[in-house]
Amino acid sequence: MYGRLPIVKMLAATVAMTAAISAVMVSINWDGQEASTAAPKIDDLLNVMIVLSSFVFSLVLVMLFYALWKFKVKPGDESDGEPIHGNTRLEVAWTLIPTIIVLFGGGYSWKVLNDIEKLDKNPLTVDVFSQQYAWSFGYPGKGMAWSQGELHVPVGRQVQFKMHAQDVIHSFWVPEWRIKKDNVPGITTTAIVTPDKVGTYQLICTELCGFGHATMRAKVVVESPAKFEQWVSSLQKEIPEPFLESIKQDTETNPSEPLSAGGA
């Protein structure tokens, strides 16, 4: 019984410290405004991982301080430490616990990714073209309409972004949507987003792409379907031929389905 008492106290201290750290960390809005259906799921995943990380941190800290207190050397004692050849139960525990945490985190992340990347029956397809240091956008389901520096999408409808890099690697990120995906030369990468809040946001390149990287931004407007249709029908330019050629030449790897024009 007395041999187990330190373990019980250490577990109690670990749980208490985990609860205190988690209460502070989870209360902070790390990611800002949520503006897509994926955002709450990603934020929940982050909070779960914060709690698990707080547990691991607390456990290590409690064991460290216990070891410093329990096995401290008395003043003037210069003798060698006791020969210890290991503790099988302890070694199994510190291998098994991290393995369970990692597997749980991986499984949960996989489930969230499957949920947020599940395609609807009629997504709107938008081609995203990135080049040093500008963004442009094509709407193949809207007569190949093309916009430079300004992206419009309808609220409440899933959008399938097909991304093409014209020179180096760039990265597509709207913080309020939480989704980030690299634009890689020679292949078509895909990001799937369902915006659920009307507003004006900013598209940011998050892959260092050259001297002008910090200025590579674009205006993002999420609006009602009626306003979106009005805006896209007002576009005078069609996707330029070089960009159409890059769509044809790119090898689509994510997802494996053929490119589609998307619903009207």
Protein backbone atom coordinates (compact mmCIF):
# COMPACT_ATOMS: atom_id res chain seq x y z
CA MET A 1 0.00 0.00 0.00
CA TYR A 2 2.74 2.47 1.00
CA GLY A 3 4.67 1.57 -2.15
CA ARG A 4 1.74 2.64 -4.27
CA LEU A 5 1.14 5.91 -2.44
CA PRO A 6 3.77 7.94 -4.37
CA ILE A 7 2.31 6.68 -7.65
CA VAL A 8 -1.21 7.72 -6.63
CA LYS A 9 0.04 11.14 -5.57
CA MET A 10 1.97 11.56 -8.82
CA LEU A 11 -1.08 10.63 -10.89
CA ALA A 12 -3.24 13.04 -8.89
CA ALA A 13 -0.70 15.81 -9.40
CA THR A 14 -0.51 15.00 -13.12
CA VAL A 15 -4.28 15.13 -13.53
CA ALA A 16 -4.53 18.39 -11.58
CA MET A 17 -1.75 20.03 -13.59
CA THR A 18 -3.26 18.76 -16.86
CA ALA A 19 -6.65 20.24 -15.94
CA ALA A 20 -5.12 23.60 -14.99
CA ILE A 21 -2.99 23.91 -18.13
CA SER A 22 -5.80 22.72 -20.42
CA ALA A 23 -8.29 25.18 -18.88
CA VAL A 24 -5.99 28.07 -19.77
CA MET A 25 -4.82 26.85 -23.17
CA VAL A 26 -8.20 25.72 -24.52
CA SER A 27 -9.85 29.00 -23.50
CA ILE A 28 -7.58 30.88 -25.92
CA ASN A 29 -8.95 31.32 -29.45
CA TRP A 30 -5.75 30.35 -31.25
CA ASP A 31 -7.12 30.33 -34.79
CA GLY A 32 -9.42 33.35 -34.79
CA GLN A 33 -12.75 33.58 -36.58
CA GLU A 34 -14.39 30.46 -37.98
CA ALA A 35 -15.78 30.96 -41.48
CA SER A 36 -16.11 27.48 -42.98
CA THR A 37 -17.77 24.20 -42.07
CA ALA A 38 -14.31 22.67 -41.59
CA ALA A 39 -13.13 25.28 -39.08
CA PRO A 40 -14.96 23.97 -35.95
CA LYS A 41 -13.77 20.41 -36.62
CA ILE A 42 -10.17 21.54 -37.02
CA ASP A 43 -10.38 23.73 -33.91
CA ASP A 44 -11.82 20.81 -31.91
CA LEU A 45 -8.93 18.64 -33.10
CA LEU A 46 -6.47 21.31 -31.98
CA ASN A 47 -8.09 21.49 -28.54
CA VAL A 48 -7.96 17.72 -28.10
CA MET A 49 -4.27 17.69 -29.00
CA ILE A 50 -3.67 20.57 -26.57
CA VAL A 51 -5.21 18.49 -23.76
CA LEU A 52 -3.12 15.44 -24.68
CA SER A 53 0.03 17.55 -24.90
CA SER A 54 -0.78 19.08 -21.50
CA PHE A 55 -1.07 15.58 -20.05
CA VAL A 56 2.31 14.49 -21.44
CA PHE A 57 3.97 17.71 -20.28
CA SER A 58 2.46 17.40 -16.80
CA LEU A 59 3.42 13.74 -16.45
CA VAL A 60 7.03 14.39 -17.42
CA LEU A 61 7.24 17.41 -15.13
CA VAL A 62 5.78 15.58 -12.13
CA MET A 63 8.09 12.59 -12.62
CA LEU A 64 11.07 14.91 -13.02
CA PHE A 65 10.42 16.76 -9.76
CA TYR A 66 9.67 13.49 -7.94
CA ALA A 67 12.99 12.04 -9.14
CA LEU A 68 14.86 15.22 -8.08
CA TRP A 69 13.30 15.06 -4.62
CA LYS A 70 13.38 11.28 -4.06
CA PHE A 71 16.88 10.55 -5.32
CA LYS A 72 18.73 13.72 -4.36
CA VAL A 73 22.19 13.22 -2.94
CA LYS A 74 22.80 14.19 0.66
CA PRO A 75 25.36 16.95 1.29
CA GLY A 76 28.88 15.53 1.33
CA ASP A 77 27.93 12.20 -0.26
CA GLU A 78 30.40 11.61 -3.08
CA SER A 79 29.80 7.87 -3.48
CA ASP A 80 28.73 6.25 -6.72
CA GLY A 81 25.03 5.78 -7.40
CA GLU A 82 23.37 2.42 -6.97
CA PRO A 83 23.73 0.11 -10.00
CA ILE A 84 20.26 0.08 -11.58
CA HIS A 85 19.66 -2.17 -14.58
CA GLY A 86 16.23 -0.82 -15.54
CA ASN A 87 12.58 -1.30 -14.71
CA THR A 88 10.62 -3.39 -17.18
CA ARG A 89 7.20 -2.11 -16.11
CA LEU A 90 8.34 1.51 -16.36
CA GLU A 91 9.89 0.98 -19.77
CA VAL A 92 6.71 -0.71 -21.04
CA ALA A 93 4.62 2.16 -19.66
CA TRP A 94 6.66 4.95 -21.25
CA THR A 95 6.57 3.12 -24.57
CA LEU A 96 2.90 2.15 -24.48
CA ILE A 97 1.43 5.49 -23.36
CA PRO A 98 3.03 7.61 -26.15
CA THR A 99 2.11 4.91 -28.70
CA ILE A 100 -1.55 5.03 -27.65
CA ILE A 101 -1.56 8.85 -27.77
CA VAL A 102 0.05 8.95 -31.23
CA LEU A 103 -2.32 6.31 -32.64
CA PHE A 104 -5.33 8.11 -31.19
CA GLY A 105 -4.16 11.45 -32.60
CA GLY A 106 -3.51 9.91 -36.00
CA GLY A 107 -6.90 8.17 -36.11
CA TYR A 108 -8.78 11.27 -35.00
CA SER A 109 -6.92 13.45 -37.53
CA TRP A 110 -7.70 10.95 -40.28
CA LYS A 111 -11.41 11.06 -39.41
CA VAL A 112 -11.45 14.87 -39.43
CA LEU A 113 -9.63 14.95 -42.77
CA ASN A 114 -12.10 12.50 -44.31
CA ASP A 115 -15.03 14.57 -43.03
CA ILE A 116 -13.80 17.92 -44.33
CA GLU A 117 -12.66 16.53 -47.71
CA LYS A 118 -15.86 14.64 -48.48
CA LEU A 119 -17.16 15.89 -51.84
CA ASP A 120 -20.74 17.07 -52.24
CA LYS A 121 -22.75 16.12 -55.33
CA ASN A 122 -22.43 19.50 -57.02
CA PRO A 123 -19.39 21.47 -55.83
CA LEU A 124 -18.35 24.68 -57.50
CA THR A 125 -14.93 24.24 -59.14
CA VAL A 126 -12.50 27.15 -59.12
CA ASP A 127 -9.06 26.97 -60.72
CA VAL A 128 -6.42 28.81 -58.69
CA PHE A 129 -3.30 30.04 -60.51
CA SER A 130 -0.28 31.13 -58.47
CA GLN A 131 2.84 32.82 -59.75
CA GLN A 132 5.44 35.18 -58.37
CA TYR A 133 3.78 37.15 -56.79
CA ALA A 134 0.11 37.12 -57.71
CA TRP A 135 -3.07 35.06 -57.56
CA SER A 136 -5.66 34.65 -60.29
CA PHE A 137 -8.80 32.55 -60.50
CA GLY A 138 -10.73 30.75 -63.21
CA TYR A 139 -14.36 29.59 -63.17
CA PRO A 140 -14.62 26.75 -65.71
CA GLY A 141 -18.32 26.23 -64.97
CA LYS A 142 -19.01 29.91 -65.63
CA GLY A 143 -17.84 30.25 -69.20
CA MET A 144 -14.14 30.11 -68.26
CA ALA A 145 -14.46 33.49 -66.52
CA TRP A 146 -11.18 34.77 -65.08
CA SER A 147 -10.35 37.16 -62.25
CA GLN A 148 -7.02 38.61 -61.17
CA GLY A 149 -6.30 39.28 -57.50
CA GLU A 150 -9.88 38.82 -56.31
CA LEU A 151 -11.69 35.59 -55.45
CA HIS A 152 -15.48 35.43 -55.04
CA VAL A 153 -17.38 32.35 -53.82
CA PRO A 154 -21.00 31.79 -52.75
CA VAL A 155 -21.76 31.21 -49.08
CA GLY A 156 -23.03 27.77 -48.08
CA ARG A 157 -21.80 25.96 -51.20
CA GLN A 158 -18.84 23.60 -51.31
CA VAL A 159 -15.96 24.87 -53.45
CA GLN A 160 -13.36 22.59 -54.97
CA PHE A 161 -10.19 24.58 -55.60
CA LYS A 162 -7.94 23.12 -58.29
CA MET A 163 -4.55 24.73 -57.84
CA HIS A 164 -1.78 25.24 -60.37
CA ALA A 165 1.65 26.81 -59.72
CA GLN A 166 3.18 28.51 -62.72
CA ASP A 167 6.74 28.79 -61.42
CA VAL A 168 7.67 27.75 -57.85
CA ILE A 169 5.82 26.23 -54.88
CA HIS A 170 3.21 28.54 -53.37
CA SER A 171 0.63 27.81 -50.68
CA PHE A 172 -3.10 28.60 -50.58
CA TRP A 173 -4.39 29.69 -47.14
CA VAL A 174 -7.41 31.65 -45.93
CA PRO A 175 -6.99 31.67 -42.11
CA GLU A 176 -10.72 31.80 -41.37
CA TRP A 177 -11.29 28.68 -43.49
CA ARG A 178 -8.39 26.82 -41.77
CA ILE A 179 -7.58 24.95 -45.00
CA LYS A 180 -4.03 25.23 -46.34
CA LYS A 181 -2.71 23.44 -49.40
CA ASP A 182 0.51 23.80 -51.41
CA ASN A 183 0.45 24.74 -55.09
CA VAL A 184 3.14 22.61 -56.71
CA PRO A 185 4.49 23.06 -60.26
CA GLY A 186 3.61 20.19 -62.58
CA ILE A 187 0.70 18.77 -60.57
CA THR A 188 -2.81 19.81 -59.61
CA THR A 189 -3.49 19.92 -55.89
CA THR A 190 -6.98 20.22 -54.48
CA ALA A 191 -8.50 22.03 -51.51
CA ILE A 192 -12.15 21.57 -50.55
CA VAL A 193 -13.91 24.32 -48.59
CA THR A 194 -17.50 25.19 -47.72
CA PRO A 195 -17.58 28.85 -46.63
CA ASP A 196 -20.41 29.47 -44.17
CA LYS A 197 -20.05 33.17 -43.26
CA VAL A 198 -20.52 36.13 -45.57
CA GLY A 199 -17.60 38.52 -45.41
CA THR A 200 -14.33 39.74 -46.88
CA TYR A 201 -11.18 37.78 -46.11
CA GLN A 202 -7.61 37.50 -47.33
CA LEU A 203 -5.83 34.77 -49.25
CA ILE A 204 -2.22 34.45 -48.12
CA CYS A 205 0.70 32.58 -49.64
CA THR A 206 2.38 30.69 -46.79
CA GLU A 207 5.25 29.11 -48.73
CA LEU A 208 8.39 31.24 -49.06
CA CYS A 209 8.41 31.83 -52.81
CA GLY A 210 10.85 34.68 -53.36
CA PHE A 211 11.51 38.32 -52.51
CA GLY A 212 7.87 39.32 -53.00
CA HIS A 213 6.42 36.50 -50.90
CA ALA A 214 5.09 38.79 -48.14
CA THR A 215 3.04 40.78 -50.67
CA MET A 216 1.42 37.75 -52.31
CA ARG A 217 -2.14 38.29 -51.14
CA ALA A 218 -5.59 38.36 -52.70
CA LYS A 219 -9.01 39.62 -51.66
CA VAL A 220 -11.56 36.89 -50.89
CA VAL A 221 -15.27 37.72 -50.91
CA VAL A 222 -17.88 35.28 -49.59
CA GLU A 223 -21.32 36.47 -50.64
CA SER A 224 -24.85 35.32 -51.34
CA PRO A 225 -25.35 33.04 -54.37
CA ALA A 226 -27.25 35.82 -56.18
CA LYS A 227 -24.46 38.35 -55.70
CA PHE A 228 -21.87 35.75 -56.71
CA GLU A 229 -23.73 35.01 -59.95
CA GLN A 230 -23.98 38.72 -60.66
CA TRP A 231 -20.27 39.23 -60.04
CA VAL A 232 -19.01 36.26 -62.04
CA SER A 233 -21.27 37.15 -64.98
CA SER A 234 -19.73 40.63 -65.04
CA LEU A 235 -16.21 39.30 -65.64
CA GLN A 236 -15.00 40.25 -69.10
CA LYS A 237 -11.90 38.07 -69.40
CA GLU A 238 -11.62 34.33 -69.94
CA ILE A 239 -8.87 32.09 -68.58
CA PRO A 240 -5.75 32.88 -70.68
CA GLU A 241 -4.46 30.18 -72.98
CA PRO A 242 -1.17 29.62 -71.07
CA PHE A 243 -3.15 28.90 -67.90
CA LEU A 244 -5.50 26.56 -69.76
CA GLU A 245 -2.44 24.78 -71.08
CA SER A 246 -1.05 24.38 -67.56
CA ILE A 247 -4.33 22.76 -66.49
CA LYS A 248 -4.01 20.23 -69.29
CA GLN A 249 -0.34 19.50 -68.63
CA ASP A 250 -0.51 19.20 -64.86
CA THR A 251 -0.79 15.70 -63.45
CA GLU A 252 -3.67 15.56 -61.02
CA THR A 253 -2.74 13.67 -57.89
CA ASN A 254 -5.25 14.85 -55.26
CA PRO A 255 -7.93 13.66 -55.61
CA SER A 256 -7.64 11.02 -58.37
CA GLU A 257 -10.94 11.93 -60.09
CA PRO A 258 -10.73 13.73 -63.45
CA LEU A 259 -10.98 17.51 -63.50
CA SER A 260 -14.53 18.75 -63.82
CA ALA A 261 -16.01 22.12 -64.64
CA GLY A 262 -18.24 22.13 -61.57
CA GLY A 263 -21.89 23.02 -61.41
CA ALA A 264 -23.31 26.15 -62.92
